[in-house]
Amino acid sequence: MKKAALSIVLIFGLFGCSNASVPNVAKGPAPDFELENIAGGKTKAADLKGKVLVLDFWATWCEPCIMEIPKFNKMADEFKGKNVQVVGITVESPHADIKPKVEETGMKYTVLVGNDSVVDVFGWLSGCPTTFVVTQDWKIYKKYMGALPDKDARIKKDIEKLLADQASNTD
């Protein structure tokens, strides 16, 4: 019995707090939103349109989410100035915990304070982390649930494909 419990703990530790860990192709328009930006003010979906968007739903208490932050920092640096933006949206996290966690982890990308409405409009999230890749024309390209070991590499390939598609469409 202890081995089974340990196995379950290890699986959640590796793949996140969700019940699935494979990417889903989730074509369709990305929803509109307006959320508090921890840097100040509000950020609207309209402010992000026209870029390839990596939108990561995370929680301050979620260890797999925290483990992904350095990968998203690296991704934000790598694609800086290339029409790509990484955005984290906190969910199910006490408001007072968000800014200290962002500072503690050294998050270099935009962090928005999520709410039930944004979770609802993106569809039911089966857990954290859940990451969406959104196209420049504001369509959901893929949805990744959980913290896959190669999730960042997969997302980078998605970004490169979407940027290449955009370049070929403007030629």
N, C-alpha and C. Protein backbone atom coordinates (compact mmCIF):
# COMPACT_ATOMS: atom_id res chain seq x y z
N MET A 1 0.81 -1.19 0.00
CA MET A 1 0.00 0.00 0.00
C MET A 1 0.87 1.27 0.00
N LYS A 2 1.97 1.24 0.77
CA LYS A 2 2.86 2.39 0.81
C LYS A 2 3.49 2.64 -0.55
N LYS A 3 3.82 1.57 -1.28
CA LYS A 3 4.41 1.73 -2.61
C LYS A 3 3.43 2.39 -3.57
N ALA A 4 2.17 1.99 -3.49
CA ALA A 4 1.15 2.60 -4.36
C ALA A 4 0.99 4.08 -4.05
N ALA A 5 0.95 4.43 -2.76
CA ALA A 5 0.81 5.83 -2.37
C ALA A 5 2.02 6.64 -2.83
N LEU A 6 3.21 6.07 -2.68
CA LEU A 6 4.43 6.74 -3.11
C LEU A 6 4.42 6.95 -4.62
N SER A 7 3.97 5.96 -5.36
CA SER A 7 3.88 6.09 -6.82
C SER A 7 2.96 7.23 -7.22
N ILE A 8 1.84 7.35 -6.55
CA ILE A 8 0.89 8.42 -6.87
C ILE A 8 1.51 9.78 -6.58
N VAL A 9 2.18 9.91 -5.44
CA VAL A 9 2.85 11.16 -5.08
C VAL A 9 3.89 11.52 -6.12
N LEU A 10 4.68 10.56 -6.57
CA LEU A 10 5.71 10.81 -7.57
C LEU A 10 5.11 11.25 -8.90
N ILE A 11 4.03 10.63 -9.30
CA ILE A 11 3.38 10.99 -10.56
C ILE A 11 2.89 12.43 -10.50
N PHE A 12 2.21 12.83 -9.40
CA PHE A 12 1.76 14.22 -9.28
C PHE A 12 2.95 15.17 -9.23
N GLY A 13 4.02 14.77 -8.58
CA GLY A 13 5.20 15.61 -8.50
C GLY A 13 5.84 15.84 -9.84
N LEU A 14 5.85 14.83 -10.68
CA LEU A 14 6.47 14.96 -12.00
C LEU A 14 5.57 15.65 -13.01
N PHE A 15 4.30 15.35 -12.96
CA PHE A 15 3.42 15.82 -14.03
C PHE A 15 2.44 16.90 -13.62
N GLY A 16 2.46 17.31 -12.39
CA GLY A 16 1.59 18.40 -11.98
C GLY A 16 0.37 17.92 -11.26
N CYS A 17 -0.51 18.86 -11.03
CA CYS A 17 -1.68 18.61 -10.22
C CYS A 17 -2.89 18.25 -11.08
N SER A 18 -2.67 17.86 -12.30
CA SER A 18 -3.79 17.57 -13.19
C SER A 18 -3.97 16.08 -13.37
N ASN A 19 -5.07 15.73 -14.01
CA ASN A 19 -5.33 14.33 -14.25
C ASN A 19 -4.92 13.91 -15.65
N ALA A 20 -4.29 14.79 -16.38
CA ALA A 20 -3.81 14.47 -17.73
C ALA A 20 -2.52 15.24 -17.97
N SER A 21 -1.66 14.71 -18.82
CA SER A 21 -0.39 15.39 -19.03
C SER A 21 0.04 15.36 -20.48
N VAL A 22 -0.89 15.28 -21.37
CA VAL A 22 -0.54 15.27 -22.78
C VAL A 22 -1.11 16.52 -23.44
N PRO A 23 -0.44 17.01 -24.49
CA PRO A 23 -0.97 18.21 -25.14
C PRO A 23 -2.24 17.88 -25.92
N ASN A 24 -3.14 18.82 -25.92
CA ASN A 24 -4.37 18.69 -26.71
C ASN A 24 -4.36 19.78 -27.76
N VAL A 25 -4.73 19.43 -28.95
CA VAL A 25 -4.95 20.45 -29.95
C VAL A 25 -6.34 21.00 -29.65
N ALA A 26 -6.41 22.26 -29.41
CA ALA A 26 -7.66 22.88 -28.97
C ALA A 26 -7.96 24.08 -29.85
N LYS A 27 -8.18 23.84 -31.10
CA LYS A 27 -8.44 24.93 -32.05
C LYS A 27 -9.71 25.67 -31.66
N GLY A 28 -9.75 26.91 -32.02
CA GLY A 28 -10.90 27.75 -31.73
C GLY A 28 -10.43 29.07 -31.19
N PRO A 29 -11.32 30.06 -31.16
CA PRO A 29 -10.90 31.39 -30.70
C PRO A 29 -10.55 31.38 -29.21
N ALA A 30 -9.52 32.12 -28.87
CA ALA A 30 -9.19 32.31 -27.46
C ALA A 30 -10.16 33.36 -26.91
N PRO A 31 -10.57 33.20 -25.68
CA PRO A 31 -11.54 34.14 -25.11
C PRO A 31 -10.92 35.47 -24.72
N ASP A 32 -11.78 36.47 -24.62
CA ASP A 32 -11.37 37.78 -24.15
C ASP A 32 -11.35 37.79 -22.62
N PHE A 33 -10.52 38.66 -22.06
CA PHE A 33 -10.47 38.82 -20.61
C PHE A 33 -9.86 40.16 -20.28
N GLU A 34 -10.03 40.57 -19.05
CA GLU A 34 -9.36 41.74 -18.49
C GLU A 34 -9.02 41.39 -17.06
N LEU A 35 -7.71 41.38 -16.74
CA LEU A 35 -7.26 40.93 -15.43
C LEU A 35 -6.27 41.92 -14.82
N GLU A 36 -6.20 41.89 -13.51
CA GLU A 36 -5.22 42.69 -12.78
C GLU A 36 -3.82 42.20 -13.11
N ASN A 37 -2.94 43.13 -13.43
CA ASN A 37 -1.52 42.83 -13.67
C ASN A 37 -0.78 43.14 -12.38
N ILE A 38 0.02 42.20 -11.87
CA ILE A 38 0.69 42.45 -10.59
C ILE A 38 1.69 43.60 -10.70
N ALA A 39 2.10 43.96 -11.90
CA ALA A 39 3.00 45.10 -12.10
C ALA A 39 2.24 46.42 -12.02
N GLY A 40 0.89 46.33 -11.98
CA GLY A 40 0.05 47.51 -11.90
C GLY A 40 -0.92 47.59 -13.06
N GLY A 41 -2.07 48.10 -12.80
CA GLY A 41 -3.09 48.27 -13.83
C GLY A 41 -3.76 46.97 -14.21
N LYS A 42 -4.38 47.02 -15.37
CA LYS A 42 -5.12 45.87 -15.91
C LYS A 42 -4.50 45.49 -17.25
N THR A 43 -4.61 44.23 -17.60
CA THR A 43 -4.20 43.76 -18.92
C THR A 43 -5.40 43.11 -19.56
N LYS A 44 -5.68 43.51 -20.80
CA LYS A 44 -6.79 42.96 -21.57
C LYS A 44 -6.24 41.99 -22.60
N ALA A 45 -7.07 41.06 -23.00
CA ALA A 45 -6.69 40.13 -24.07
C ALA A 45 -6.28 40.93 -25.30
N ALA A 46 -6.96 42.03 -25.58
CA ALA A 46 -6.65 42.85 -26.75
C ALA A 46 -5.21 43.35 -26.73
N ASP A 47 -4.63 43.53 -25.52
CA ASP A 47 -3.24 43.99 -25.40
C ASP A 47 -2.25 42.92 -25.85
N LEU A 48 -2.69 41.67 -25.91
CA LEU A 48 -1.80 40.54 -26.21
C LEU A 48 -2.00 40.00 -27.62
N LYS A 49 -3.07 40.40 -28.27
CA LYS A 49 -3.35 39.91 -29.61
C LYS A 49 -2.28 40.37 -30.58
N GLY A 50 -2.02 39.54 -31.59
CA GLY A 50 -1.02 39.87 -32.60
C GLY A 50 0.34 39.25 -32.29
N LYS A 51 0.45 38.59 -31.15
CA LYS A 51 1.68 37.90 -30.77
C LYS A 51 1.37 36.42 -30.57
N VAL A 52 2.39 35.59 -30.65
CA VAL A 52 2.24 34.21 -30.20
C VAL A 52 2.27 34.31 -28.68
N LEU A 53 1.27 33.75 -28.05
CA LEU A 53 1.13 33.86 -26.60
C LEU A 53 1.26 32.50 -25.94
N VAL A 54 2.13 32.44 -24.94
CA VAL A 54 2.23 31.26 -24.07
C VAL A 54 1.55 31.69 -22.79
N LEU A 55 0.40 31.09 -22.51
CA LEU A 55 -0.44 31.48 -21.40
C LEU A 55 -0.48 30.34 -20.39
N ASP A 56 0.21 30.54 -19.27
CA ASP A 56 0.36 29.48 -18.27
C ASP A 56 -0.50 29.76 -17.04
N PHE A 57 -1.45 28.86 -16.78
CA PHE A 57 -2.27 28.93 -15.57
C PHE A 57 -1.52 28.18 -14.47
N TRP A 58 -1.24 28.86 -13.37
CA TRP A 58 -0.44 28.29 -12.29
C TRP A 58 -1.00 28.73 -10.94
N ALA A 59 -0.50 28.12 -9.89
CA ALA A 59 -0.90 28.48 -8.53
C ALA A 59 0.34 28.63 -7.67
N THR A 60 0.27 29.52 -6.71
CA THR A 60 1.42 29.80 -5.85
C THR A 60 1.82 28.60 -5.00
N TRP A 61 0.88 27.70 -4.74
CA TRP A 61 1.12 26.54 -3.87
C TRP A 61 1.48 25.28 -4.67
N CYS A 62 1.50 25.37 -5.97
CA CYS A 62 1.69 24.20 -6.85
C CYS A 62 3.17 24.02 -7.17
N GLU A 63 3.80 23.02 -6.58
CA GLU A 63 5.23 22.79 -6.79
C GLU A 63 5.59 22.53 -8.26
N PRO A 64 4.83 21.71 -9.00
CA PRO A 64 5.16 21.54 -10.43
C PRO A 64 5.08 22.86 -11.20
N CYS A 65 4.15 23.74 -10.82
CA CYS A 65 4.05 25.05 -11.45
C CYS A 65 5.32 25.86 -11.17
N ILE A 66 5.77 25.85 -9.93
CA ILE A 66 6.95 26.60 -9.53
C ILE A 66 8.19 26.06 -10.25
N MET A 67 8.25 24.75 -10.42
CA MET A 67 9.40 24.14 -11.10
C MET A 67 9.48 24.56 -12.56
N GLU A 68 8.36 24.95 -13.16
CA GLU A 68 8.36 25.37 -14.57
C GLU A 68 8.80 26.82 -14.78
N ILE A 69 8.77 27.62 -13.74
CA ILE A 69 9.06 29.06 -13.88
C ILE A 69 10.41 29.33 -14.54
N PRO A 70 11.51 28.66 -14.13
CA PRO A 70 12.78 28.93 -14.83
C PRO A 70 12.73 28.63 -16.32
N LYS A 71 11.96 27.63 -16.71
CA LYS A 71 11.83 27.30 -18.14
C LYS A 71 11.07 28.39 -18.88
N PHE A 72 10.03 28.94 -18.25
CA PHE A 72 9.28 30.03 -18.87
C PHE A 72 10.11 31.31 -18.89
N ASN A 73 10.92 31.55 -17.86
CA ASN A 73 11.83 32.70 -17.87
C ASN A 73 12.79 32.60 -19.06
N LYS A 74 13.36 31.42 -19.25
CA LYS A 74 14.30 31.20 -20.35
C LYS A 74 13.60 31.40 -21.69
N MET A 75 12.37 30.89 -21.80
CA MET A 75 11.60 31.03 -23.04
C MET A 75 11.31 32.51 -23.32
N ALA A 76 10.94 33.26 -22.29
CA ALA A 76 10.65 34.68 -22.46
C ALA A 76 11.90 35.42 -22.93
N ASP A 77 13.06 35.07 -22.38
CA ASP A 77 14.32 35.69 -22.81
C ASP A 77 14.67 35.31 -24.25
N GLU A 78 14.51 34.02 -24.55
CA GLU A 78 14.89 33.51 -25.88
C GLU A 78 14.07 34.14 -27.00
N PHE A 79 12.80 34.39 -26.74
CA PHE A 79 11.91 34.91 -27.79
C PHE A 79 11.64 36.42 -27.64
N LYS A 80 12.38 37.09 -26.78
CA LYS A 80 12.21 38.53 -26.59
C LYS A 80 12.44 39.26 -27.92
N GLY A 81 11.52 40.15 -28.26
CA GLY A 81 11.64 40.91 -29.50
C GLY A 81 11.22 40.15 -30.74
N LYS A 82 10.64 38.95 -30.57
CA LYS A 82 10.25 38.12 -31.71
C LYS A 82 8.74 37.92 -31.80
N ASN A 83 7.96 38.88 -31.29
CA ASN A 83 6.51 38.82 -31.39
C ASN A 83 5.92 37.64 -30.61
N VAL A 84 6.54 37.34 -29.47
CA VAL A 84 6.10 36.25 -28.59
C VAL A 84 6.01 36.81 -27.18
N GLN A 85 4.98 36.41 -26.45
CA GLN A 85 4.87 36.84 -25.06
C GLN A 85 4.49 35.66 -24.18
N VAL A 86 5.15 35.57 -23.03
CA VAL A 86 4.82 34.58 -22.01
C VAL A 86 4.05 35.31 -20.92
N VAL A 87 2.91 34.73 -20.53
CA VAL A 87 2.07 35.33 -19.49
C VAL A 87 1.65 34.22 -18.52
N GLY A 88 1.80 34.50 -17.24
CA GLY A 88 1.31 33.59 -16.21
C GLY A 88 0.01 34.14 -15.63
N ILE A 89 -0.97 33.28 -15.45
CA ILE A 89 -2.22 33.67 -14.79
C ILE A 89 -2.36 32.81 -13.55
N THR A 90 -2.38 33.46 -12.39
CA THR A 90 -2.53 32.71 -11.15
C THR A 90 -3.98 32.30 -10.97
N VAL A 91 -4.18 31.12 -10.44
CA VAL A 91 -5.51 30.63 -10.12
C VAL A 91 -5.48 30.03 -8.72
N GLU A 92 -6.61 30.08 -8.06
CA GLU A 92 -6.77 29.46 -6.74
C GLU A 92 -5.62 29.80 -5.79
N SER A 93 -5.18 31.04 -5.82
CA SER A 93 -4.08 31.50 -4.97
C SER A 93 -4.52 32.72 -4.19
N PRO A 94 -4.24 32.76 -2.88
CA PRO A 94 -4.57 33.97 -2.13
C PRO A 94 -3.85 35.18 -2.72
N HIS A 95 -4.57 36.27 -2.90
CA HIS A 95 -4.03 37.46 -3.55
C HIS A 95 -2.73 37.91 -2.88
N ALA A 96 -2.68 37.86 -1.55
CA ALA A 96 -1.50 38.32 -0.80
C ALA A 96 -0.26 37.45 -1.06
N ASP A 97 -0.45 36.24 -1.57
CA ASP A 97 0.68 35.33 -1.82
C ASP A 97 1.31 35.52 -3.19
N ILE A 98 0.62 36.18 -4.12
CA ILE A 98 1.06 36.20 -5.52
C ILE A 98 2.34 37.00 -5.71
N LYS A 99 2.34 38.27 -5.34
CA LYS A 99 3.52 39.11 -5.58
C LYS A 99 4.76 38.58 -4.87
N PRO A 100 4.67 38.16 -3.59
CA PRO A 100 5.86 37.58 -2.95
C PRO A 100 6.37 36.33 -3.67
N LYS A 101 5.47 35.50 -4.18
CA LYS A 101 5.90 34.28 -4.89
C LYS A 101 6.58 34.66 -6.21
N VAL A 102 6.05 35.65 -6.89
CA VAL A 102 6.66 36.13 -8.15
C VAL A 102 8.08 36.63 -7.87
N GLU A 103 8.23 37.40 -6.82
CA GLU A 103 9.56 37.92 -6.46
C GLU A 103 10.49 36.79 -6.03
N GLU A 104 9.99 35.87 -5.21
CA GLU A 104 10.79 34.75 -4.72
C GLU A 104 11.32 33.88 -5.86
N THR A 105 10.48 33.66 -6.86
CA THR A 105 10.86 32.77 -7.96
C THR A 105 11.56 33.50 -9.10
N GLY A 106 11.58 34.83 -9.06
CA GLY A 106 12.27 35.59 -10.10
C GLY A 106 11.57 35.55 -11.45
N MET A 107 10.24 35.52 -11.44
CA MET A 107 9.49 35.49 -12.70
C MET A 107 9.79 36.75 -13.49
N LYS A 108 10.19 36.56 -14.77
CA LYS A 108 10.56 37.67 -15.64
C LYS A 108 9.46 38.05 -16.62
N TYR A 109 8.38 37.35 -16.59
CA TYR A 109 7.31 37.57 -17.57
C TYR A 109 6.07 38.13 -16.87
N THR A 110 5.11 38.57 -17.66
CA THR A 110 3.88 39.17 -17.16
C THR A 110 3.11 38.18 -16.31
N VAL A 111 2.62 38.64 -15.17
CA VAL A 111 1.80 37.80 -14.29
C VAL A 111 0.50 38.53 -14.02
N LEU A 112 -0.59 37.84 -14.31
CA LEU A 112 -1.93 38.37 -14.12
C LEU A 112 -2.63 37.59 -13.01
N VAL A 113 -3.55 38.25 -12.33
CA VAL A 113 -4.30 37.63 -11.25
C VAL A 113 -5.58 37.05 -11.85
N GLY A 114 -5.66 35.74 -11.87
CA GLY A 114 -6.82 35.06 -12.44
C GLY A 114 -8.03 35.11 -11.52
N ASN A 115 -9.15 34.73 -12.09
CA ASN A 115 -10.40 34.65 -11.32
C ASN A 115 -11.25 33.54 -11.94
N ASP A 116 -12.38 33.26 -11.32
CA ASP A 116 -13.25 32.20 -11.82
C ASP A 116 -13.71 32.46 -13.25
N SER A 117 -13.93 33.73 -13.58
CA SER A 117 -14.42 34.07 -14.92
C SER A 117 -13.42 33.67 -16.00
N VAL A 118 -12.13 33.97 -15.80
CA VAL A 118 -11.14 33.63 -16.83
C VAL A 118 -10.96 32.12 -16.92
N VAL A 119 -11.05 31.42 -15.80
CA VAL A 119 -10.98 29.96 -15.83
C VAL A 119 -12.17 29.42 -16.61
N ASP A 120 -13.35 29.98 -16.35
CA ASP A 120 -14.55 29.53 -17.06
C ASP A 120 -14.46 29.75 -18.56
N VAL A 121 -13.97 30.95 -18.98
CA VAL A 121 -13.94 31.24 -20.41
C VAL A 121 -12.88 30.42 -21.15
N PHE A 122 -11.83 29.99 -20.46
CA PHE A 122 -10.83 29.13 -21.10
C PHE A 122 -11.23 27.66 -21.04
N GLY A 123 -12.34 27.37 -20.42
CA GLY A 123 -12.77 25.99 -20.30
C GLY A 123 -12.22 25.40 -19.03
N TRP A 124 -12.84 24.37 -18.59
CA TRP A 124 -12.48 23.75 -17.33
C TRP A 124 -11.02 23.34 -17.33
N LEU A 125 -10.28 23.79 -16.33
CA LEU A 125 -8.88 23.39 -16.17
C LEU A 125 -8.88 22.21 -15.21
N SER A 126 -8.31 21.12 -15.64
CA SER A 126 -8.32 19.93 -14.79
C SER A 126 -7.23 19.97 -13.74
N GLY A 127 -6.46 21.02 -13.72
CA GLY A 127 -5.42 21.16 -12.71
C GLY A 127 -4.36 22.14 -13.14
N CYS A 128 -3.38 22.27 -12.29
CA CYS A 128 -2.26 23.18 -12.54
C CYS A 128 -0.99 22.36 -12.67
N PRO A 129 -0.08 22.76 -13.49
CA PRO A 129 -0.19 23.85 -14.46
C PRO A 129 -0.95 23.42 -15.71
N THR A 130 -1.61 24.37 -16.32
CA THR A 130 -2.21 24.19 -17.64
C THR A 130 -1.72 25.35 -18.50
N THR A 131 -1.17 25.02 -19.65
CA THR A 131 -0.56 26.03 -20.52
C THR A 131 -1.21 26.00 -21.89
N PHE A 132 -1.57 27.17 -22.37
CA PHE A 132 -2.14 27.32 -23.71
C PHE A 132 -1.12 28.02 -24.60
N VAL A 133 -1.05 27.59 -25.85
CA VAL A 133 -0.30 28.32 -26.87
C VAL A 133 -1.37 28.92 -27.78
N VAL A 134 -1.30 30.25 -27.92
CA VAL A 134 -2.31 30.99 -28.68
C VAL A 134 -1.63 31.64 -29.88
N THR A 135 -2.28 31.56 -31.03
CA THR A 135 -1.72 32.10 -32.27
C THR A 135 -1.84 33.62 -32.31
N GLN A 136 -1.14 34.21 -33.28
CA GLN A 136 -1.17 35.66 -33.46
C GLN A 136 -2.58 36.16 -33.76
N ASP A 137 -3.38 35.34 -34.41
CA ASP A 137 -4.75 35.76 -34.73
C ASP A 137 -5.75 35.28 -33.66
N TRP A 138 -5.23 35.02 -32.45
CA TRP A 138 -6.02 34.78 -31.24
C TRP A 138 -6.86 33.51 -31.30
N LYS A 139 -6.21 32.45 -31.76
CA LYS A 139 -6.84 31.14 -31.72
C LYS A 139 -6.00 30.23 -30.84
N ILE A 140 -6.68 29.38 -30.08
CA ILE A 140 -5.95 28.43 -29.24
C ILE A 140 -5.35 27.37 -30.16
N TYR A 141 -4.04 27.24 -30.10
CA TYR A 141 -3.31 26.29 -30.94
C TYR A 141 -3.14 24.95 -30.22
N LYS A 142 -2.69 25.00 -28.97
CA LYS A 142 -2.53 23.78 -28.17
C LYS A 142 -2.75 24.09 -26.70
N LYS A 143 -3.07 23.04 -25.99
CA LYS A 143 -3.26 23.10 -24.54
C LYS A 143 -2.43 21.98 -23.93
N TYR A 144 -1.57 22.33 -23.00
CA TYR A 144 -0.74 21.35 -22.30
C TYR A 144 -1.18 21.29 -20.85
N MET A 145 -1.53 20.09 -20.39
CA MET A 145 -1.95 19.91 -19.00
C MET A 145 -0.86 19.16 -18.24
N GLY A 146 -0.48 19.71 -17.11
CA GLY A 146 0.54 19.09 -16.29
C GLY A 146 1.92 19.63 -16.62
N ALA A 147 2.90 19.11 -15.89
CA ALA A 147 4.29 19.55 -16.04
C ALA A 147 5.10 18.45 -16.70
N LEU A 148 4.97 18.34 -18.00
CA LEU A 148 5.72 17.33 -18.74
C LEU A 148 7.21 17.66 -18.73
N PRO A 149 8.07 16.66 -18.68
CA PRO A 149 9.51 16.93 -18.67
C PRO A 149 9.99 17.70 -19.91
N ASP A 150 9.35 17.50 -21.05
CA ASP A 150 9.77 18.17 -22.29
C ASP A 150 8.77 19.22 -22.77
N LYS A 151 7.94 19.68 -21.87
CA LYS A 151 6.89 20.64 -22.22
C LYS A 151 7.48 21.91 -22.84
N ASP A 152 8.57 22.42 -22.27
CA ASP A 152 9.16 23.65 -22.80
C ASP A 152 9.68 23.44 -24.22
N ALA A 153 10.27 22.28 -24.50
CA ALA A 153 10.76 21.99 -25.86
C ALA A 153 9.59 21.90 -26.85
N ARG A 154 8.50 21.29 -26.42
CA ARG A 154 7.31 21.20 -27.28
C ARG A 154 6.74 22.58 -27.57
N ILE A 155 6.65 23.40 -26.54
CA ILE A 155 6.11 24.74 -26.72
C ILE A 155 7.01 25.57 -27.63
N LYS A 156 8.32 25.44 -27.47
CA LYS A 156 9.26 26.17 -28.35
C LYS A 156 9.04 25.76 -29.81
N LYS A 157 8.84 24.47 -30.07
CA LYS A 157 8.55 24.02 -31.44
C LYS A 157 7.25 24.64 -31.94
N ASP A 158 6.24 24.69 -31.08
CA ASP A 158 4.96 25.32 -31.46
C ASP A 158 5.19 26.78 -31.83
N ILE A 159 5.94 27.50 -31.00
CA ILE A 159 6.21 28.92 -31.24
C ILE A 159 6.94 29.10 -32.57
N GLU A 160 7.98 28.31 -32.79
CA GLU A 160 8.75 28.42 -34.04
C GLU A 160 7.88 28.14 -35.25
N LYS A 161 7.00 27.16 -35.15
CA LYS A 161 6.09 26.85 -36.27
C LYS A 161 5.15 28.02 -36.52
N LEU A 162 4.57 28.56 -35.47
CA LEU A 162 3.63 29.67 -35.63
C LEU A 162 4.32 30.92 -36.18
N LEU A 163 5.54 31.19 -35.73
CA LEU A 163 6.29 32.34 -36.27
C LEU A 163 6.65 32.11 -37.73
N ALA A 164 7.03 30.88 -38.09
CA ALA A 164 7.35 30.57 -39.48
C ALA A 164 6.10 30.69 -40.35
N ASP A 165 4.97 30.21 -39.85
CA ASP A 165 3.71 30.34 -40.61
C ASP A 165 3.37 31.79 -40.84
N GLN A 166 3.57 32.62 -39.82
CA GLN A 166 3.28 34.05 -39.95
C GLN A 166 4.20 34.68 -40.99
N ALA A 167 5.49 34.32 -40.95
CA ALA A 167 6.46 34.89 -41.89
C ALA A 167 6.10 34.49 -43.33
N SER A 168 5.68 33.24 -43.52
CA SER A 168 5.36 32.79 -44.89
C SER A 168 4.06 33.42 -45.39
N ASN A 169 3.17 33.79 -44.46
CA ASN A 169 1.93 34.45 -44.86
C ASN A 169 2.11 35.92 -45.19
N THR A 170 3.21 36.51 -44.74
CA THR A 170 3.44 37.93 -45.01
C THR A 170 4.37 38.13 -46.20
N ASP A 171 4.93 37.05 -46.72
CA ASP A 171 5.83 37.16 -47.89
C ASP A 171 5.08 37.36 -49.18
